[in-house]
Amino acid sequence: MDFDNICIVGTGAIGCVIGSFLSDAGYKVNFIEKDENIIKQIKENGISISGAKEIHCDNISISSPGGIKEKQDLIFYAVKAYSLEDAVKSSIQMVGKDTYVVCIQNGLGISEIVNKYINKRQTIEGIIWFPAITVKPGNIQLLTFYEQSIFGGFSYISQEYISKLTL
């Protein structure tokens, strides 16, 4: 299980923080964002995390939905729950038979939305334990940092995959 192709769908506070953690750990991360103004700002300025942890990432790979054609190994859906179904539909071309998707929205029924389009054995649900706010696009203030998040999957293979998600 390699993480050669990682995509974060959504560049709000949580998406930027997760993507920055992964990038800072040496992974190549691609971002998907639907707002062209945000794409432009992040391409120009990168992503900066300040507060409880300091990270700056330049040369961000970011595109609009449909902009990434190759299959991804891991996709994080870091969008509001009301945008999740549109995000999944617009990124379905990146999901292959070996792709795992991580849903990190709050609320009941989140995985059911994803599983309309993606096999539930490829779905991992997560709870992120850090509050963050967007100061402006690509500029995130991390208020606290807990070194533990919770993830769970529907199959043994997804559980094994989860064990490799240590940020």
Foldseek 3Di string as FASTA:
>chain_A
DDQQFEEEEDQFQVSLVLQQVCVVVPHQYEYEDADVVLVVVCQVAPAFEDAQDTTGDHPHHYYYQPPDQAAGQEYEYPDELVCLLVSLVSNVNNHDPNHAYEYAYDDPPSVVSNCVRDPQQRYKYKHAPWDKHPPDRRYIYTHHHDQDIDIDGDDPVVVVVVVPSRD
